């Protein structure tokens, strides 16, 4: 029984240290990680995995290894912020794969980047004709940044000389059937106002609402748990 308790403690420690290390090292999403980030994450994951299940080595050794590895990664990351050369080595650099509607085969070949994958990423960005692309740049994290030719870009209000008003962030006021009192107070609203608003929409109770937010223009968006969708 003691062995199982010991193993459980090691697993909990492993998860805790790995979580803290990951939080300290990056705030980026997984899709934005660089080569160095992947290597660092894999190294920490391996150490944490051994901490959980390799009972032949003392727990203190693995804890020391995780802490030391985290510190080394943090130092290297800090140095890369100061050194463009080191940053290029660790993170890689963007590569142009399309220029003026022409595919740069040599650049693609250097990265083992296939035409199929290029077309797939273009389609993901709603681009089905390569001739419409002015530049396509493969970022170090593998994402494709696309700039369409000027005549193919969507019109904006600025293009049409139409003035627009400032649009700020909407304020969440109901989440999972519960009123967010702090947000209500911050925008000078109260429960009475909210109750009146939901009653006008035929909603009897706040608990029926999954999510509600007030836009800066005063429009109230409400999403119910039981939406009346047409099947």
Foldseek 3Di string as FASTA:
>chain_A
DVVVVVLVVQLVVLVVLLVVLVVVQDPDDPLPDAQLRVVLNVVSNVLSVCSNPVPVDDNVVSSVVSVVSSVVSNVLVVVCVVDVVSVCVRGNAKDWQDAQLDGDVVRCVVVVHDPVVVCVLCVVVVHNRSNQWHIWIQGRSRHIDTDGDPVPDDDDCVNVVHDDDDWDDWFWQAAQLDGPVVSCVVVVHDPVVVCVVVVVVVDDGSNQWHTWTATPVGDIDTDGPDDDDDD
